[in-house]
Amino acid sequence: MSSSSTCSRPCPRRSRRTRSAIDQVLQAEDIALVESVQRGLKSRGYDQGRFIVDADRTDMSEHAVHHFHALVVEAMARWREEA
């Protein structure tokens, strides 16, 4: 099958282009975001823990992530007890 025809699985040429885009664009964006968050965490104005969980569960709240992590911790504790 030639590279110009439709592939039944991901084509190597497309994969290289995709990886290149990830390396050049997304990875750079992620690095900038993480660095920005780290600066914010060190500021005096930040007074939260690892998650933003507000009582009103607004769209700014990360209660779902916090809940998921709590479930994982509980499951791991049960697994350790059974082992």
N, C-alpha and C. Protein backbone atom coordinates (compact mmCIF):
# COMPACT_ATOMS: atom_id res chain seq x y z
N MET A 1 0.86 -1.18 0.00
CA MET A 1 0.00 0.00 0.00
C MET A 1 0.90 1.24 0.00
N SER A 2 0.68 2.16 -0.89
CA SER A 2 1.50 3.36 -0.96
C SER A 2 1.12 4.35 0.13
N SER A 3 2.01 5.31 0.39
CA SER A 3 1.73 6.28 1.45
C SER A 3 0.61 7.24 1.07
N SER A 4 0.28 7.33 -0.25
CA SER A 4 -0.79 8.24 -0.66
C SER A 4 -2.17 7.62 -0.53
N SER A 5 -2.24 6.28 -0.40
CA SER A 5 -3.54 5.64 -0.25
C SER A 5 -3.98 5.65 1.20
N THR A 6 -5.23 5.33 1.43
CA THR A 6 -5.77 5.32 2.78
C THR A 6 -5.21 4.12 3.54
N CYS A 7 -4.72 4.35 4.74
CA CYS A 7 -4.15 3.29 5.58
C CYS A 7 -5.24 2.68 6.44
N SER A 8 -5.14 1.39 6.68
CA SER A 8 -6.09 0.74 7.58
C SER A 8 -5.70 0.98 9.04
N ARG A 9 -4.51 1.44 9.27
CA ARG A 9 -4.02 1.82 10.60
C ARG A 9 -3.26 3.13 10.46
N PRO A 10 -2.86 3.76 11.56
CA PRO A 10 -2.18 5.05 11.43
C PRO A 10 -0.98 4.97 10.50
N CYS A 11 -0.89 5.89 9.57
CA CYS A 11 0.22 5.93 8.62
C CYS A 11 1.45 6.52 9.29
N PRO A 12 2.63 5.94 9.04
CA PRO A 12 3.85 6.46 9.67
C PRO A 12 4.08 7.94 9.40
N ARG A 13 3.80 8.41 8.17
CA ARG A 13 4.03 9.82 7.85
C ARG A 13 3.14 10.71 8.72
N ARG A 14 1.89 10.34 8.89
CA ARG A 14 0.99 11.12 9.74
C ARG A 14 1.46 11.08 11.19
N SER A 15 1.93 9.95 11.63
CA SER A 15 2.39 9.84 13.00
C SER A 15 3.58 10.76 13.25
N ARG A 16 4.50 10.83 12.30
CA ARG A 16 5.66 11.73 12.46
C ARG A 16 5.21 13.18 12.51
N ARG A 17 4.24 13.54 11.65
CA ARG A 17 3.73 14.91 11.66
C ARG A 17 3.03 15.21 12.97
N THR A 18 2.27 14.26 13.46
CA THR A 18 1.56 14.45 14.72
C THR A 18 2.55 14.62 15.86
N ARG A 19 3.55 13.76 15.91
CA ARG A 19 4.56 13.87 16.96
C ARG A 19 5.29 15.20 16.89
N SER A 20 5.58 15.65 15.68
CA SER A 20 6.27 16.92 15.51
C SER A 20 5.40 18.07 16.03
N ALA A 21 4.11 18.04 15.72
CA ALA A 21 3.21 19.08 16.20
C ALA A 21 3.13 19.08 17.72
N ILE A 22 3.08 17.90 18.29
CA ILE A 22 3.04 17.79 19.76
C ILE A 22 4.31 18.37 20.36
N ASP A 23 5.46 17.99 19.80
CA ASP A 23 6.72 18.50 20.32
C ASP A 23 6.85 20.00 20.18
N GLN A 24 6.42 20.54 19.04
CA GLN A 24 6.63 21.96 18.77
C GLN A 24 5.58 22.86 19.41
N VAL A 25 4.34 22.40 19.51
CA VAL A 25 3.27 23.28 19.96
C VAL A 25 2.78 22.89 21.36
N LEU A 26 2.24 21.71 21.48
CA LEU A 26 1.59 21.33 22.73
C LEU A 26 2.56 21.24 23.89
N GLN A 27 3.70 20.65 23.66
CA GLN A 27 4.67 20.49 24.74
C GLN A 27 5.14 21.86 25.24
N ALA A 28 5.38 22.78 24.32
CA ALA A 28 5.80 24.13 24.72
C ALA A 28 4.70 24.82 25.52
N GLU A 29 3.43 24.65 25.09
CA GLU A 29 2.31 25.23 25.84
C GLU A 29 2.22 24.63 27.22
N ASP A 30 2.38 23.31 27.32
CA ASP A 30 2.31 22.64 28.62
C ASP A 30 3.40 23.14 29.56
N ILE A 31 4.60 23.29 29.04
CA ILE A 31 5.71 23.77 29.87
C ILE A 31 5.40 25.16 30.40
N ALA A 32 4.91 26.04 29.53
CA ALA A 32 4.58 27.40 29.96
C ALA A 32 3.47 27.39 31.00
N LEU A 33 2.45 26.56 30.83
CA LEU A 33 1.36 26.48 31.79
C LEU A 33 1.84 25.97 33.14
N VAL A 34 2.64 24.92 33.13
CA VAL A 34 3.14 24.35 34.39
C VAL A 34 4.01 25.36 35.12
N GLU A 35 4.87 26.05 34.38
CA GLU A 35 5.72 27.06 35.02
C GLU A 35 4.88 28.18 35.62
N SER A 36 3.82 28.58 34.93
CA SER A 36 2.93 29.62 35.44
C SER A 36 2.22 29.17 36.71
N VAL A 37 1.74 27.94 36.71
CA VAL A 37 1.06 27.40 37.90
C VAL A 37 2.03 27.35 39.08
N GLN A 38 3.25 26.90 38.82
CA GLN A 38 4.22 26.82 39.91
C GLN A 38 4.51 28.20 40.50
N ARG A 39 4.60 29.22 39.65
CA ARG A 39 4.79 30.58 40.17
C ARG A 39 3.60 30.99 41.03
N GLY A 40 2.39 30.67 40.57
CA GLY A 40 1.19 31.01 41.32
C GLY A 40 1.11 30.31 42.66
N LEU A 41 1.53 29.05 42.70
CA LEU A 41 1.50 28.30 43.96
C LEU A 41 2.44 28.89 45.00
N LYS A 42 3.49 29.53 44.54
CA LYS A 42 4.47 30.12 45.46
C LYS A 42 4.09 31.53 45.90
N SER A 43 3.05 32.09 45.30
CA SER A 43 2.67 33.46 45.64
C SER A 43 1.97 33.51 47.00
N ARG A 44 1.99 34.66 47.62
CA ARG A 44 1.35 34.84 48.93
C ARG A 44 -0.17 34.81 48.82
N GLY A 45 -0.68 35.08 47.64
CA GLY A 45 -2.13 35.13 47.45
C GLY A 45 -2.78 33.77 47.35
N TYR A 46 -2.00 32.72 47.22
CA TYR A 46 -2.56 31.37 47.08
C TYR A 46 -2.72 30.75 48.45
N ASP A 47 -3.95 30.33 48.78
CA ASP A 47 -4.18 29.75 50.11
C ASP A 47 -4.92 28.42 50.06
N GLN A 48 -4.95 27.79 48.91
CA GLN A 48 -5.64 26.50 48.78
C GLN A 48 -4.64 25.35 48.91
N GLY A 49 -5.19 24.16 48.90
CA GLY A 49 -4.36 22.96 48.88
C GLY A 49 -4.09 22.56 47.44
N ARG A 50 -4.01 21.25 47.22
CA ARG A 50 -3.73 20.78 45.87
C ARG A 50 -4.91 20.97 44.93
N PHE A 51 -6.13 21.00 45.48
CA PHE A 51 -7.34 21.13 44.68
C PHE A 51 -8.12 22.37 45.10
N ILE A 52 -8.87 22.90 44.16
CA ILE A 52 -9.80 23.98 44.48
C ILE A 52 -11.16 23.31 44.65
N VAL A 53 -11.62 23.23 45.87
CA VAL A 53 -12.91 22.60 46.17
C VAL A 53 -13.72 23.59 46.97
N ASP A 54 -14.71 24.20 46.32
CA ASP A 54 -15.53 25.16 47.04
C ASP A 54 -16.88 24.54 47.40
N ALA A 55 -17.49 25.05 48.43
CA ALA A 55 -18.75 24.49 48.93
C ALA A 55 -19.86 24.54 47.89
N ASP A 56 -19.84 25.55 47.02
CA ASP A 56 -20.89 25.69 46.01
C ASP A 56 -20.65 24.82 44.78
N ARG A 57 -19.51 24.18 44.71
CA ARG A 57 -19.14 23.33 43.58
C ARG A 57 -19.33 24.04 42.24
N THR A 58 -18.76 25.22 42.16
CA THR A 58 -18.83 25.99 40.92
C THR A 58 -17.97 25.33 39.86
N ASP A 59 -17.99 25.91 38.65
CA ASP A 59 -17.18 25.35 37.58
C ASP A 59 -15.68 25.54 37.83
N MET A 60 -15.33 26.36 38.79
CA MET A 60 -13.93 26.52 39.17
C MET A 60 -13.47 25.41 40.11
N SER A 61 -14.41 24.70 40.70
CA SER A 61 -14.09 23.67 41.68
C SER A 61 -13.59 22.40 41.01
N GLU A 62 -12.67 21.74 41.68
CA GLU A 62 -12.14 20.46 41.19
C GLU A 62 -12.63 19.32 42.07
N HIS A 63 -13.89 19.42 42.53
CA HIS A 63 -14.42 18.41 43.44
C HIS A 63 -14.45 17.02 42.81
N ALA A 64 -14.69 16.94 41.51
CA ALA A 64 -14.73 15.62 40.86
C ALA A 64 -13.35 14.97 40.87
N VAL A 65 -12.32 15.74 40.61
CA VAL A 65 -10.95 15.21 40.64
C VAL A 65 -10.60 14.79 42.07
N HIS A 66 -10.95 15.62 43.03
CA HIS A 66 -10.69 15.30 44.43
C HIS A 66 -11.41 14.02 44.83
N HIS A 67 -12.66 13.88 44.44
CA HIS A 67 -13.44 12.68 44.76
C HIS A 67 -12.81 11.44 44.12
N PHE A 68 -12.42 11.55 42.85
CA PHE A 68 -11.79 10.42 42.16
C PHE A 68 -10.52 9.99 42.88
N HIS A 69 -9.68 10.93 43.25
CA HIS A 69 -8.44 10.59 43.95
C HIS A 69 -8.73 9.93 45.30
N ALA A 70 -9.77 10.38 45.98
CA ALA A 70 -10.16 9.75 47.25
C ALA A 70 -10.59 8.30 47.02
N LEU A 71 -11.33 8.05 45.93
CA LEU A 71 -11.74 6.69 45.61
C LEU A 71 -10.53 5.80 45.31
N VAL A 72 -9.55 6.33 44.62
CA VAL A 72 -8.33 5.57 44.32
C VAL A 72 -7.59 5.23 45.60
N VAL A 73 -7.47 6.19 46.51
CA VAL A 73 -6.79 5.96 47.78
C VAL A 73 -7.52 4.87 48.57
N GLU A 74 -8.85 4.92 48.62
CA GLU A 74 -9.63 3.89 49.32
C GLU A 74 -9.42 2.52 48.70
N ALA A 75 -9.45 2.45 47.38
CA ALA A 75 -9.27 1.17 46.68
C ALA A 75 -7.88 0.60 46.95
N MET A 76 -6.88 1.46 46.93
CA MET A 76 -5.52 0.99 47.21
C MET A 76 -5.38 0.50 48.64
N ALA A 77 -6.03 1.17 49.57
CA ALA A 77 -5.98 0.74 50.98
C ALA A 77 -6.63 -0.63 51.13
N ARG A 78 -7.78 -0.83 50.49
CA ARG A 78 -8.44 -2.15 50.54
C ARG A 78 -7.56 -3.22 49.92
N TRP A 79 -6.92 -2.90 48.80
CA TRP A 79 -6.05 -3.86 48.12
C TRP A 79 -4.88 -4.24 49.01
N ARG A 80 -4.31 -3.26 49.70
CA ARG A 80 -3.18 -3.54 50.59
C ARG A 80 -3.61 -4.42 51.76
N GLU A 81 -4.82 -4.19 52.27
CA GLU A 81 -5.32 -5.00 53.38
C GLU A 81 -5.54 -6.44 52.96
N GLU A 82 -5.98 -6.64 51.70
CA GLU A 82 -6.25 -7.98 51.21
C GLU A 82 -4.99 -8.73 50.83
N ALA A 83 -3.92 -8.01 50.57
CA ALA A 83 -2.66 -8.64 50.09
C ALA A 83 -1.93 -9.33 51.22
